[in-house]
């Protein structure tokens, strides 16, 4: 590899490092902005702190309950898919055996002819 190619690869890797740092910086600013915005929203909201906390708790419980239901639905579906896959595996074995029998039968017929 020539010196020029080495320098070119070095410059490329340096640009990737700067891009990563820029992305991290952008994420930090985004999170800071979200935190500041949430704090201002709580301070300036017309509802009392108790009402806001109650609404947050209710929303949290509702979300957790919904996730629990959705998780159960996904588990049930995964169980159904697993059973279906096992049935297909069993049927594939039966089909393979039938195919082998048909092949033997066809070979016998061609040998007789």
PDB file of N, CA and C in Angstrom:
ATOM      1  N   UNK A   1       0.843  -1.167   0.000  1.00  0.00           N
ATOM      2  CA  UNK A   1       0.000   0.000   0.000  1.00  0.00           C
ATOM      3  C   UNK A   1       0.894   1.238   0.000  1.00  0.00           C
ATOM      4  N   UNK A   2       0.609   2.178  -0.847  1.00  0.00           N
ATOM      5  CA  UNK A   2       1.450   3.374  -0.947  1.00  0.00           C
ATOM      6  C   UNK A   2       1.147   4.336   0.205  1.00  0.00           C
ATOM      7  N   UNK A   3       2.048   5.325   0.363  1.00  0.00           N
ATOM      8  CA  UNK A   3       1.854   6.305   1.427  1.00  0.00           C
ATOM      9  C   UNK A   3       0.597   7.127   1.193  1.00  0.00           C
ATOM     10  N   UNK A   4       0.298   7.407  -0.077  1.00  0.00           N
ATOM     11  CA  UNK A   4      -0.891   8.189  -0.398  1.00  0.00           C
ATOM     12  C   UNK A   4      -2.159   7.456   0.059  1.00  0.00           C
ATOM     13  N   UNK A   5      -2.208   6.140  -0.186  1.00  0.00           N
ATOM     14  CA  UNK A   5      -3.379   5.363   0.232  1.00  0.00           C
ATOM     15  C   UNK A   5      -3.497   5.332   1.747  1.00  0.00           C
ATOM     16  N   UNK A   6      -2.351   5.246   2.440  1.00  0.00           N
ATOM     17  CA  UNK A   6      -2.380   5.275   3.895  1.00  0.00           C
ATOM     18  C   UNK A   6      -2.943   6.595   4.412  1.00  0.00           C
ATOM     19  N   UNK A   7      -2.527   7.697   3.832  1.00  0.00           N
ATOM     20  CA  UNK A   7      -3.007   9.011   4.242  1.00  0.00           C
ATOM     21  C   UNK A   7      -4.498   9.132   3.949  1.00  0.00           C
ATOM     22  N   UNK A   8      -4.916   8.649   2.808  1.00  0.00           N
ATOM     23  CA  UNK A   8      -6.326   8.724   2.439  1.00  0.00           C
ATOM     24  C   UNK A   8      -7.184   7.942   3.433  1.00  0.00           C
ATOM     25  N   UNK A   9      -6.769   6.736   3.825  1.00  0.00           N
ATOM     26  CA  UNK A   9      -7.508   5.948   4.798  1.00  0.00           C
ATOM     27  C   UNK A   9      -7.539   6.635   6.161  1.00  0.00           C
ATOM     28  N   UNK A  10      -6.428   7.272   6.524  1.00  0.00           N
ATOM     29  CA  UNK A  10      -6.379   7.968   7.803  1.00  0.00           C
ATOM     30  C   UNK A  10      -7.383   9.114   7.821  1.00  0.00           C
ATOM     31  N   UNK A  11      -7.418   9.878   6.744  1.00  0.00           N
ATOM     32  CA  UNK A  11      -8.348  11.003   6.667  1.00  0.00           C
ATOM     33  C   UNK A  11      -9.788  10.509   6.718  1.00  0.00           C
ATOM     34  N   UNK A  12     -10.079   9.408   6.065  1.00  0.00           N
ATOM     35  CA  UNK A  12     -11.436   8.866   6.052  1.00  0.00           C
ATOM     36  C   UNK A  12     -11.848   8.439   7.452  1.00  0.00           C
ATOM     37  N   UNK A  13     -10.944   7.754   8.163  1.00  0.00           N
ATOM     38  CA  UNK A  13     -11.278   7.305   9.517  1.00  0.00           C
ATOM     39  C   UNK A  13     -11.449   8.500  10.453  1.00  0.00           C
ATOM     40  N   UNK A  14     -10.665   9.572  10.237  1.00  0.00           N
ATOM     41  CA  UNK A  14     -10.804  10.756  11.061  1.00  0.00           C
ATOM     42  C   UNK A  14     -12.168  11.405  10.837  1.00  0.00           C
ATOM     43  N   UNK A  15     -12.640  11.421   9.594  1.00  0.00           N
ATOM     44  CA  UNK A  15     -13.954  11.985   9.319  1.00  0.00           C
ATOM     45  C   UNK A  15     -15.047  11.175  10.004  1.00  0.00           C
ATOM     46  N   UNK A  16     -14.914   9.863  10.053  1.00  0.00           N
ATOM     47  CA  UNK A  16     -15.902   9.043  10.742  1.00  0.00           C
ATOM     48  C   UNK A  16     -15.922   9.358  12.230  1.00  0.00           C
ATOM     49  N   UNK A  17     -14.764   9.559  12.823  1.00  0.00           N
ATOM     50  CA  UNK A  17     -14.699   9.891  14.240  1.00  0.00           C
ATOM     51  C   UNK A  17     -15.393  11.199  14.536  1.00  0.00           C
ATOM     52  N   UNK A  18     -15.194  12.213  13.679  1.00  0.00           N
ATOM     53  CA  UNK A  18     -15.850  13.496  13.866  1.00  0.00           C
ATOM     54  C   UNK A  18     -17.351  13.367  13.708  1.00  0.00           C
ATOM     55  N   UNK A  19     -17.805  12.529  12.790  1.00  0.00           N
ATOM     56  CA  UNK A  19     -19.234  12.334  12.591  1.00  0.00           C
ATOM     57  C   UNK A  19     -19.854  11.702  13.833  1.00  0.00           C
ATOM     58  N   UNK A  20     -19.146  10.757  14.454  1.00  0.00           N
ATOM     59  CA  UNK A  20     -19.657  10.125  15.665  1.00  0.00           C
ATOM     60  C   UNK A  20     -19.774  11.132  16.799  1.00  0.00           C
ATOM     61  N   UNK A  21     -18.766  11.981  16.930  1.00  0.00           N
ATOM     62  CA  UNK A  21     -18.808  12.996  17.981  1.00  0.00           C
ATOM     63  C   UNK A  21     -19.944  13.984  17.742  1.00  0.00           C
ATOM     64  N   UNK A  22     -20.184  14.330  16.500  1.00  0.00           N
ATOM     65  CA  UNK A  22     -21.283  15.235  16.180  1.00  0.00           C
ATOM     66  C   UNK A  22     -22.629  14.615  16.511  1.00  0.00           C
ATOM     67  N   UNK A  23     -22.782  13.338  16.250  1.00  0.00           N
ATOM     68  CA  UNK A  23     -24.029  12.647  16.550  1.00  0.00           C
ATOM     69  C   UNK A  23     -24.267  12.598  18.052  1.00  0.00           C
ATOM     70  N   UNK A  24     -23.222  12.309  18.808  1.00  0.00           N
ATOM     71  CA  UNK A  24     -23.347  12.268  20.269  1.00  0.00           C
ATOM     72  C   UNK A  24     -23.727  13.644  20.790  1.00  0.00           C
ATOM     73  N   UNK A  25     -23.078  14.671  20.263  1.00  0.00           N
ATOM     74  CA  UNK A  25     -23.386  16.036  20.690  1.00  0.00           C
ATOM     75  C   UNK A  25     -24.842  16.369  20.387  1.00  0.00           C
ATOM     76  N   UNK A  26     -25.319  15.988  19.200  1.00  0.00           N
ATOM     77  CA  UNK A  26     -26.712  16.250  18.831  1.00  0.00           C
ATOM     78  C   UNK A  26     -27.674  15.531  19.759  1.00  0.00           C
ATOM     79  N   UNK A  27     -27.351  14.293  20.133  1.00  0.00           N
ATOM     80  CA  UNK A  27     -28.212  13.548  21.051  1.00  0.00           C
ATOM     81  C   UNK A  27     -28.238  14.191  22.433  1.00  0.00           C
ATOM     82  N   UNK A  28     -27.098  14.685  22.893  1.00  0.00           N
ATOM     83  CA  UNK A  28     -27.039  15.355  24.194  1.00  0.00           C
ATOM     84  C   UNK A  28     -27.913  16.607  24.171  1.00  0.00           C
ATOM     85  N   UNK A  29     -27.829  17.391  23.105  1.00  0.00           N
ATOM     86  CA  UNK A  29     -28.669  18.589  22.990  1.00  0.00           C
ATOM     87  C   UNK A  29     -30.147  18.231  22.921  1.00  0.00           C
ATOM     88  N   UNK A  30     -30.472  17.151  22.223  1.00  0.00           N
ATOM     89  CA  UNK A  30     -31.863  16.728  22.129  1.00  0.00           C
ATOM     90  C   UNK A  30     -32.405  16.347  23.503  1.00  0.00           C
ATOM     91  N   UNK A  31     -31.655  15.543  24.249  1.00  0.00           N
ATOM     92  CA  UNK A  31     -32.097  15.113  25.573  1.00  0.00           C
ATOM     93  C   UNK A  31     -32.204  16.314  26.514  1.00  0.00           C
ATOM     94  N   UNK A  32     -31.238  17.227  26.448  1.00  0.00           N
ATOM     95  CA  UNK A  32     -31.291  18.424  27.288  1.00  0.00           C
ATOM     96  C   UNK A  32     -32.513  19.269  26.928  1.00  0.00           C
ATOM     97  N   UNK A  33     -32.790  19.404  25.665  1.00  0.00           N
ATOM     98  CA  UNK A  33     -33.962  20.171  25.231  1.00  0.00           C
ATOM     99  C   UNK A  33     -35.254  19.528  25.690  1.00  0.00           C
ATOM    100  N   UNK A  34     -35.313  18.215  25.613  1.00  0.00           N
ATOM    101  CA  UNK A  34     -36.515  17.524  26.095  1.00  0.00           C
ATOM    102  C   UNK A  34     -36.704  17.734  27.593  1.00  0.00           C
ATOM    103  N   UNK A  35     -35.620  17.648  28.346  1.00  0.00           N
ATOM    104  CA  UNK A  35     -35.706  17.854  29.790  1.00  0.00           C
ATOM    105  C   UNK A  35     -36.142  19.261  30.143  1.00  0.00           C
ATOM    106  N   UNK A  36     -35.561  20.239  29.474  1.00  0.00           N
ATOM    107  CA  UNK A  36     -35.928  21.637  29.736  1.00  0.00           C
ATOM    108  C   UNK A  36     -37.379  21.882  29.353  1.00  0.00           C
ATOM    109  N   UNK A  37     -37.788  21.343  28.206  1.00  0.00           N
ATOM    110  CA  UNK A  37     -39.173  21.517  27.762  1.00  0.00           C
ATOM    111  C   UNK A  37     -40.162  20.865  28.713  1.00  0.00           C
ATOM    112  N   UNK A  38     -39.839  19.672  29.193  1.00  0.00           N
ATOM    113  CA  UNK A  38     -40.733  18.994  30.131  1.00  0.00           C
ATOM    114  C   UNK A  38     -40.821  19.776  31.443  1.00  0.00           C
ATOM    115  N   UNK A  39     -39.700  20.282  31.909  1.00  0.00           N
ATOM    116  CA  UNK A  39     -39.704  21.068  33.146  1.00  0.00           C
ATOM    117  C   UNK A  39     -40.538  22.334  33.010  1.00  0.00           C
ATOM    118  N   UNK A  40     -40.376  23.032  31.897  1.00  0.00           N
ATOM    119  CA  UNK A  40     -41.174  24.252  31.675  1.00  0.00           C
ATOM    120  C   UNK A  40     -42.653  23.927  31.548  1.00  0.00           C
ATOM    121  N   UNK A  41     -42.962  22.827  30.890  1.00  0.00           N
ATOM    122  CA  UNK A  41     -44.366  22.449  30.737  1.00  0.00           C
ATOM    123  C   UNK A  41     -44.996  22.173  32.102  1.00  0.00           C
ATOM    124  N   UNK A  42     -44.263  21.500  32.985  1.00  0.00           N
ATOM    125  CA  UNK A  42     -44.798  21.241  34.316  1.00  0.00           C
ATOM    126  C   UNK A  42     -44.952  22.523  35.130  1.00  0.00           C
ATOM    127  N   UNK A  43     -43.998  23.427  35.000  1.00  0.00           N
ATOM    128  CA  UNK A  43     -44.069  24.683  35.756  1.00  0.00           C
ATOM    129  C   UNK A  43     -45.201  25.583  35.271  1.00  0.00           C
ATOM    130  N   UNK A  44     -45.433  25.591  33.987  1.00  0.00           N
ATOM    131  CA  UNK A  44     -46.413  26.524  33.415  1.00  0.00           C
ATOM    132  C   UNK A  44     -47.790  25.902  33.188  1.00  0.00           C
ATOM    133  N   UNK A  45     -47.977  24.651  33.546  1.00  0.00           N
ATOM    134  CA  UNK A  45     -49.270  24.009  33.294  1.00  0.00           C
ATOM    135  C   UNK A  45     -50.321  24.564  34.245  1.00  0.00           C
ATOM    136  N   UNK A  46     -51.569  24.645  33.781  1.00  0.00           N
ATOM    137  CA  UNK A  46     -52.629  25.189  34.634  1.00  0.00           C
ATOM    138  C   UNK A  46     -53.075  24.203  35.721  1.00  0.00           C
ATOM    139  N   UNK A  47     -52.720  22.934  35.611  1.00  0.00           N
ATOM    140  CA  UNK A  47     -53.127  21.943  36.607  1.00  0.00           C
ATOM    141  C   UNK A  47     -52.179  21.976  37.805  1.00  0.00           C
ATOM    142  N   UNK A  48     -52.707  21.527  38.942  1.00  0.00           N
ATOM    143  CA  UNK A  48     -51.866  21.483  40.143  1.00  0.00           C
ATOM    144  C   UNK A  48     -50.884  20.317  40.032  1.00  0.00           C
ATOM    145  N   UNK A  49     -49.884  20.344  40.865  1.00  0.00           N
ATOM    146  CA  UNK A  49     -48.886  19.280  40.864  1.00  0.00           C
ATOM    147  C   UNK A  49     -49.497  17.927  41.154  1.00  0.00           C
ATOM    148  N   UNK A  50     -50.481  17.906  42.064  1.00  0.00           N
ATOM    149  CA  UNK A  50     -51.139  16.648  42.414  1.00  0.00           C
ATOM    150  C   UNK A  50     -51.898  16.075  41.217  1.00  0.00           C
ATOM    151  N   UNK A  51     -52.574  16.951  40.476  1.00  0.00           N
ATOM    152  CA  UNK A  51     -53.309  16.507  39.289  1.00  0.00           C
ATOM    153  C   UNK A  51     -52.364  15.970  38.223  1.00  0.00           C
ATOM    154  N   UNK A  52     -51.239  16.636  38.052  1.00  0.00           N
ATOM    155  CA  UNK A  52     -50.260  16.198  37.057  1.00  0.00           C
ATOM    156  C   UNK A  52     -49.682  14.847  37.448  1.00  0.00           C
ATOM    157  N   UNK A  53     -49.333  14.688  38.736  1.00  0.00           N
ATOM    158  CA  UNK A  53     -48.804  13.404  39.199  1.00  0.00           C
ATOM    159  C   UNK A  53     -49.832  12.287  39.038  1.00  0.00           C
ATOM    160  N   UNK A  54     -51.098  12.587  39.336  1.00  0.00           N
ATOM    161  CA  UNK A  54     -52.158  11.587  39.175  1.00  0.00           C
ATOM    162  C   UNK A  54     -52.298  11.184  37.704  1.00  0.00           C
ATOM    163  N   UNK A  55     -52.269  12.171  36.814  1.00  0.00           N
ATOM    164  CA  UNK A  55     -52.390  11.882  35.380  1.00  0.00           C
ATOM    165  C   UNK A  55     -51.198  11.069  34.886  1.00  0.00           C
ATOM    166  N   UNK A  56     -50.008  11.399  35.375  1.00  0.00           N
ATOM    167  CA  UNK A  56     -48.823  10.635  34.992  1.00  0.00           C
ATOM    168  C   UNK A  56     -48.900   9.192  35.488  1.00  0.00           C
ATOM    169  N   UNK A  57     -49.326   9.010  36.747  1.00  0.00           N
ATOM    170  CA  UNK A  57     -49.476   7.650  37.280  1.00  0.00           C
ATOM    171  C   UNK A  57     -50.502   6.848  36.493  1.00  0.00           C
ATOM    172  N   UNK A  58     -51.634   7.488  36.203  1.00  0.00           N
ATOM    173  CA  UNK A  58     -52.683   6.811  35.449  1.00  0.00           C
ATOM    174  C   UNK A  58     -52.194   6.434  34.058  1.00  0.00           C
ATOM    175  N   UNK A  59     -51.492   7.342  33.413  1.00  0.00           N
ATOM    176  CA  UNK A  59     -50.939   7.051  32.088  1.00  0.00           C
ATOM    177  C   UNK A  59     -49.909   5.936  32.141  1.00  0.00           C
ATOM    178  N   UNK A  60     -49.089   5.939  33.176  1.00  0.00           N
ATOM    179  CA  UNK A  60     -48.072   4.894  33.342  1.00  0.00           C
ATOM    180  C   UNK A  60     -48.739   3.530  33.525  1.00  0.00           C
ATOM    181  N   UNK A  61     -49.718   3.477  34.428  1.00  0.00           N
ATOM    182  CA  UNK A  61     -50.419   2.203  34.676  1.00  0.00           C
ATOM    183  C   UNK A  61     -51.121   1.697  33.428  1.00  0.00           C
ATOM    184  N   UNK A  62     -51.735   2.619  32.709  1.00  0.00           N
ATOM    185  CA  UNK A  62     -52.432   2.250  31.479  1.00  0.00           C
ATOM    186  C   UNK A  62     -51.457   1.696  30.446  1.00  0.00           C
ATOM    187  N   UNK A  63     -50.303   2.323  30.336  1.00  0.00           N
ATOM    188  CA  UNK A  63     -49.280   1.873  29.389  1.00  0.00           C
ATOM    189  C   UNK A  63     -48.744   0.507  29.773  1.00  0.00           C
ATOM    190  N   UNK A  64     -48.460   0.320  31.064  1.00  0.00           N
ATOM    191  CA  UNK A  64     -47.933  -0.970  31.528  1.00  0.00           C
ATOM    192  C   UNK A  64     -48.960  -2.070  31.313  1.00  0.00           C
ATOM    193  N   UNK A  65     -50.223  -1.780  31.600  1.00  0.00           N
ATOM    194  CA  UNK A  65     -51.283  -2.761  31.403  1.00  0.00           C
ATOM    195  C   UNK A  65     -51.413  -3.123  29.921  1.00  0.00           C
ATOM    196  N   UNK A  66     -51.360  -2.113  29.060  1.00  0.00           N
ATOM    197  CA  UNK A  66     -51.427  -2.356  27.616  1.00  0.00           C
ATOM    198  C   UNK A  66     -50.248  -3.181  27.125  1.00  0.00           C
ATOM    199  N   UNK A  67     -49.063  -2.891  27.647  1.00  0.00           N
ATOM    200  CA  UNK A  67     -47.882  -3.672  27.271  1.00  0.00           C
ATOM    201  C   UNK A  67     -48.012  -5.114  27.731  1.00  0.00           C
ATOM    202  N   UNK A  68     -48.562  -5.306  28.936  1.00  0.00           N
ATOM    203  CA  UNK A  68     -48.764  -6.660  29.439  1.00  0.00           C
ATOM    204  C   UNK A  68     -49.713  -7.451  28.554  1.00  0.00           C
ATOM    205  N   UNK A  69     -50.816  -6.812  28.143  1.00  0.00           N
ATOM    206  CA  UNK A  69     -51.772  -7.485  27.255  1.00  0.00           C
ATOM    207  C   UNK A  69     -51.136  -7.801  25.914  1.00  0.00           C
ATOM    208  N   UNK A  70     -50.422  -6.837  25.374  1.00  0.00           N
ATOM    209  CA  UNK A  70     -49.785  -7.037  24.068  1.00  0.00           C
ATOM    210  C   UNK A  70     -48.725  -8.142  24.145  1.00  0.00           C
ATOM    211  N   UNK A  71     -47.986  -8.170  25.246  1.00  0.00           N
ATOM    212  CA  UNK A  71     -46.980  -9.208  25.433  1.00  0.00           C
ATOM    213  C   UNK A  71     -47.631 -10.579  25.480  1.00  0.00           C
ATOM    214  N   UNK A  72     -48.766 -10.679  26.172  1.00  0.00           N
ATOM    215  CA  UNK A  72     -49.462 -11.962  26.249  1.00  0.00           C
ATOM    216  C   UNK A  72     -49.963 -12.397  24.879  1.00  0.00           C
ATOM    217  N   UNK A  73     -50.468 -11.453  24.108  1.00  0.00           N
ATOM    218  CA  UNK A  73     -50.928 -11.770  22.748  1.00  0.00           C
ATOM    219  C   UNK A  73     -49.759 -12.283  21.908  1.00  0.00           C
ATOM    220  N   UNK A  74     -48.615 -11.631  22.021  1.00  0.00           N
ATOM    221  CA  UNK A  74     -47.439 -12.058  21.264  1.00  0.00           C
ATOM    222  C   UNK A  74     -46.955 -13.431  21.721  1.00  0.00           C
ATOM    223  N   UNK A  75     -47.011 -13.706  23.018  1.00  0.00           N
ATOM    224  CA  UNK A  75     -46.622 -15.030  23.521  1.00  0.00           C
ATOM    225  C   UNK A  75     -47.544 -16.110  22.974  1.00  0.00           C
ATOM    226  N   UNK A  76     -48.850 -15.825  23.012  1.00  0.00           N
ATOM    227  CA  UNK A  76     -49.813 -16.793  22.480  1.00  0.00           C
ATOM    228  C   UNK A  76     -49.564 -17.054  21.002  1.00  0.00           C
ATOM    229  N   UNK A  77     -49.304 -16.001  20.269  1.00  0.00           N
ATOM    230  CA  UNK A  77     -49.045 -16.152  18.833  1.00  0.00           C
ATOM    231  C   UNK A  77     -47.757 -16.953  18.595  1.00  0.00           C
ATOM    232  N   UNK A  78     -46.739 -16.688  19.399  1.00  0.00           N
ATOM    233  CA  UNK A  78     -45.481 -17.436  19.259  1.00  0.00           C
ATOM    234  C   UNK A  78     -45.717 -18.918  19.558  1.00  0.00           C
ATOM    235  N   UNK A  79     -46.526 -19.220  20.580  1.00  0.00           N
ATOM    236  CA  UNK A  79     -46.844 -20.621  20.880  1.00  0.00           C
ATOM    237  C   UNK A  79     -47.568 -21.275  19.712  1.00  0.00           C
ATOM    238  N   UNK A  80     -48.529 -20.547  19.124  1.00  0.00           N
ATOM    239  CA  UNK A  80     -49.255 -21.081  17.966  1.00  0.00           C
ATOM    240  C   UNK A  80     -48.312 -21.340  16.793  1.00  0.00           C
ATOM    241  N   UNK A  81     -47.401 -20.407  16.559  1.00  0.00           N
ATOM    242  CA  UNK A  81     -46.452 -20.583  15.460  1.00  0.00           C
ATOM    243  C   UNK A  81     -45.526 -21.765  15.719  1.00  0.00           C
ATOM    244  N   UNK A  82     -45.120 -21.961  16.960  1.00  0.00           N
ATOM    245  CA  UNK A  82     -44.264 -23.088  17.308  1.00  0.00           C
ATOM    246  C   UNK A  82     -44.996 -24.411  17.073  1.00  0.00           C
ATOM    247  N   UNK A  83     -46.256 -24.489  17.495  1.00  0.00           N
ATOM    248  CA  UNK A  83     -47.047 -25.689  17.245  1.00  0.00           C
ATOM    249  C   UNK A  83     -47.189 -25.946  15.748  1.00  0.00           C
ATOM    250  N   UNK A  84     -47.452 -24.883  15.003  1.00  0.00           N
ATOM    251  CA  UNK A  84     -47.600 -25.014  13.549  1.00  0.00           C
ATOM    252  C   UNK A  84     -46.293 -25.509  12.919  1.00  0.00           C
ATOM    253  N   UNK A  85     -45.175 -24.991  13.379  1.00  0.00           N
ATOM    254  CA  UNK A  85     -43.875 -25.425  12.852  1.00  0.00           C
ATOM    255  C   UNK A  85     -43.628 -26.896  13.165  1.00  0.00           C
ATOM    256  N   UNK A  86     -44.007 -27.328  14.354  1.00  0.00           N
ATOM    257  CA  UNK A  86     -43.841 -28.738  14.714  1.00  0.00           C
ATOM    258  C   UNK A  86     -44.735 -29.627  13.851  1.00  0.00           C
ATOM    259  N   UNK A  87     -45.973 -29.179  13.606  1.00  0.00           N
ATOM    260  CA  UNK A  87     -46.866 -29.933  12.717  1.00  0.00           C
ATOM    261  C   UNK A  87     -46.280 -30.031  11.314  1.00  0.00           C
ATOM    262  N   UNK A  88     -45.729 -28.919  10.825  1.00  0.00           N
ATOM    263  CA  UNK A  88     -45.125 -28.929   9.486  1.00  0.00           C
ATOM    264  C   UNK A  88     -43.932 -29.880   9.430  1.00  0.00           C
ATOM    265  N   UNK A  89     -43.146 -29.913  10.493  1.00  0.00           N
ATOM    266  CA  UNK A  89     -42.003 -30.810  10.532  1.00  0.00           C
ATOM    267  C   UNK A  89     -42.466 -32.267  10.473  1.00  0.00           C
ATOM    268  N   UNK A  90     -43.511 -32.587  11.230  1.00  0.00           N
ATOM    269  CA  UNK A  90     -44.044 -33.946  11.204  1.00  0.00           C
ATOM    270  C   UNK A  90     -44.582 -34.301   9.820  1.00  0.00           C
ATOM    271  N   UNK A  91     -45.318 -33.378   9.203  1.00  0.00           N
ATOM    272  CA  UNK A  91     -45.862 -33.620   7.870  1.00  0.00           C
ATOM    273  C   UNK A  91     -44.748 -33.738   6.838  1.00  0.00           C
ATOM    274  N   UNK A  92     -43.686 -32.972   7.025  1.00  0.00           N
ATOM    275  CA  UNK A  92     -42.566 -33.061   6.082  1.00  0.00           C
ATOM    276  C   UNK A  92     -41.947 -34.451   6.135  1.00  0.00           C
ATOM    277  N   UNK A  93     -41.843 -35.015   7.338  1.00  0.00           N
ATOM    278  CA  UNK A  93     -41.316 -36.369   7.468  1.00  0.00           C
ATOM    279  C   UNK A  93     -42.224 -37.375   6.771  1.00  0.00           C
ATOM    280  N   UNK A  94     -43.544 -37.212   6.930  1.00  0.00           N
ATOM    281  CA  UNK A  94     -44.487 -38.105   6.262  1.00  0.00           C
ATOM    282  C   UNK A  94     -44.373 -37.978   4.746  1.00  0.00           C
ATOM    283  N   UNK A  95     -44.279 -36.756   4.270  1.00  0.00           N
ATOM    284  CA  UNK A  95     -44.175 -36.528   2.822  1.00  0.00           C
ATOM    285  C   UNK A  95     -42.872 -37.113   2.292  1.00  0.00           C
ATOM    286  N   UNK A  96     -41.790 -36.967   3.054  1.00  0.00           N
ATOM    287  CA  UNK A  96     -40.512 -37.518   2.623  1.00  0.00           C
ATOM    288  C   UNK A  96     -40.609 -39.047   2.517  1.00  0.00           C
ATOM    289  N   UNK A  97     -41.246 -39.679   3.489  1.00  0.00           N
ATOM    290  CA  UNK A  97     -41.417 -41.134   3.440  1.00  0.00           C
ATOM    291  C   UNK A  97     -42.266 -41.549   2.240  1.00  0.00           C
ATOM    292  N   UNK A  98     -43.339 -40.839   1.989  1.00  0.00           N
ATOM    293  CA  UNK A  98     -44.186 -41.147   0.834  1.00  0.00           C
ATOM    294  C   UNK A  98     -43.406 -40.985  -0.463  1.00  0.00           C
ATOM    295  N   UNK A  99     -42.620 -39.914  -0.544  1.00  0.00           N
ATOM    296  CA  UNK A  99     -41.811 -39.695  -1.740  1.00  0.00           C
ATOM    297  C   UNK A  99     -40.804 -40.815  -1.957  1.00  0.00           C
ATOM    298  N   UNK A 100     -40.191 -41.269  -0.858  1.00  0.00           N
ATOM    299  CA  UNK A 100     -39.221 -42.366  -0.965  1.00  0.00           C
ATOM    300  C   UNK A 100     -39.914 -43.638  -1.447  1.00  0.00           C
ATOM    301  N   UNK A 101     -41.116 -43.906  -0.929  1.00  0.00           N
ATOM    302  CA  UNK A 101     -41.861 -45.084  -1.386  1.00  0.00           C
ATOM    303  C   UNK A 101     -42.202 -44.989  -2.861  1.00  0.00           C
ATOM    304  N   UNK A 102     -42.667 -43.804  -3.268  1.00  0.00           N
ATOM    305  CA  UNK A 102     -43.002 -43.625  -4.687  1.00  0.00           C
ATOM    306  C   UNK A 102     -41.775 -43.796  -5.571  1.00  0.00           C
ATOM    307  N   UNK A 103     -40.642 -43.301  -5.119  1.00  0.00           N
ATOM    308  CA  UNK A 103     -39.410 -43.440  -5.883  1.00  0.00           C
ATOM    309  C   UNK A 103     -39.006 -44.907  -6.005  1.00  0.00           C
ATOM    310  N   UNK A 104     -39.092 -45.645  -4.916  1.00  0.00           N
ATOM    311  CA  UNK A 104     -38.791 -47.083  -4.976  1.00  0.00           C
ATOM    312  C   UNK A 104     -39.751 -47.809  -5.914  1.00  0.00           C
ATOM    313  N   UNK A 105     -41.025 -47.453  -5.819  1.00  0.00           N
ATOM    314  CA  UNK A 105     -42.029 -48.072  -6.692  1.00  0.00           C
ATOM    315  C   UNK A 105     -41.721 -47.781  -8.156  1.00  0.00           C
ATOM    316  N   UNK A 106     -41.376 -46.514  -8.446  1.00  0.00           N
ATOM    317  CA  UNK A 106     -41.078 -46.139  -9.831  1.00  0.00           C
ATOM    318  C   UNK A 106     -39.832 -46.875 -10.323  1.00  0.00           C
ATOM    319  N   UNK A 107     -38.838 -47.036  -9.482  1.00  0.00           N
ATOM    320  CA  UNK A 107     -37.621 -47.750  -9.891  1.00  0.00           C
ATOM    321  C   UNK A 107     -37.917 -49.214 -10.185  1.00  0.00           C
ATOM    322  N   UNK A 108     -38.755 -49.836  -9.359  1.00  0.00           N
ATOM    323  CA  UNK A 108     -39.120 -51.236  -9.603  1.00  0.00           C
ATOM    324  C   UNK A 108     -39.849 -51.381 -10.942  1.00  0.00           C
ATOM    325  N   UNK A 109     -40.732 -50.453 -11.214  1.00  0.00           N
ATOM    326  CA  UNK A 109     -41.497 -50.543 -12.469  1.00  0.00           C
ATOM    327  C   UNK A 109     -40.582 -50.376 -13.669  1.00  0.00           C
ATOM    328  N   UNK A 110     -39.597 -49.445 -13.548  1.00  0.00           N
ATOM    329  CA  UNK A 110     -38.696 -49.245 -14.687  1.00  0.00           C
ATOM    330  C   UNK A 110     -37.749 -50.431 -14.844  1.00  0.00           C
ATOM    331  N   UNK A 111     -37.407 -51.082 -13.739  1.00  0.00           N
ATOM    332  CA  UNK A 111     -36.519 -52.264 -13.837  1.00  0.00           C
ATOM    333  C   UNK A 111     -37.249 -53.441 -14.466  1.00  0.00           C
ATOM    334  N   UNK A 112     -38.539 -53.586 -14.242  1.00  0.00           N
ATOM    335  CA  UNK A 112     -39.323 -54.666 -14.824  1.00  0.00           C
ATOM    336  C   UNK A 112     -39.544 -54.463 -16.315  1.00  0.00           C
ATOM    337  N   UNK A 113     -39.628 -53.225 -16.689  1.00  0.00           N
ATOM    338  CA  UNK A 113     -39.922 -52.941 -18.110  1.00  0.00           C
ATOM    339  C   UNK A 113     -38.743 -53.072 -19.016  1.00  0.00           C
TER     340      UNK A 113
END
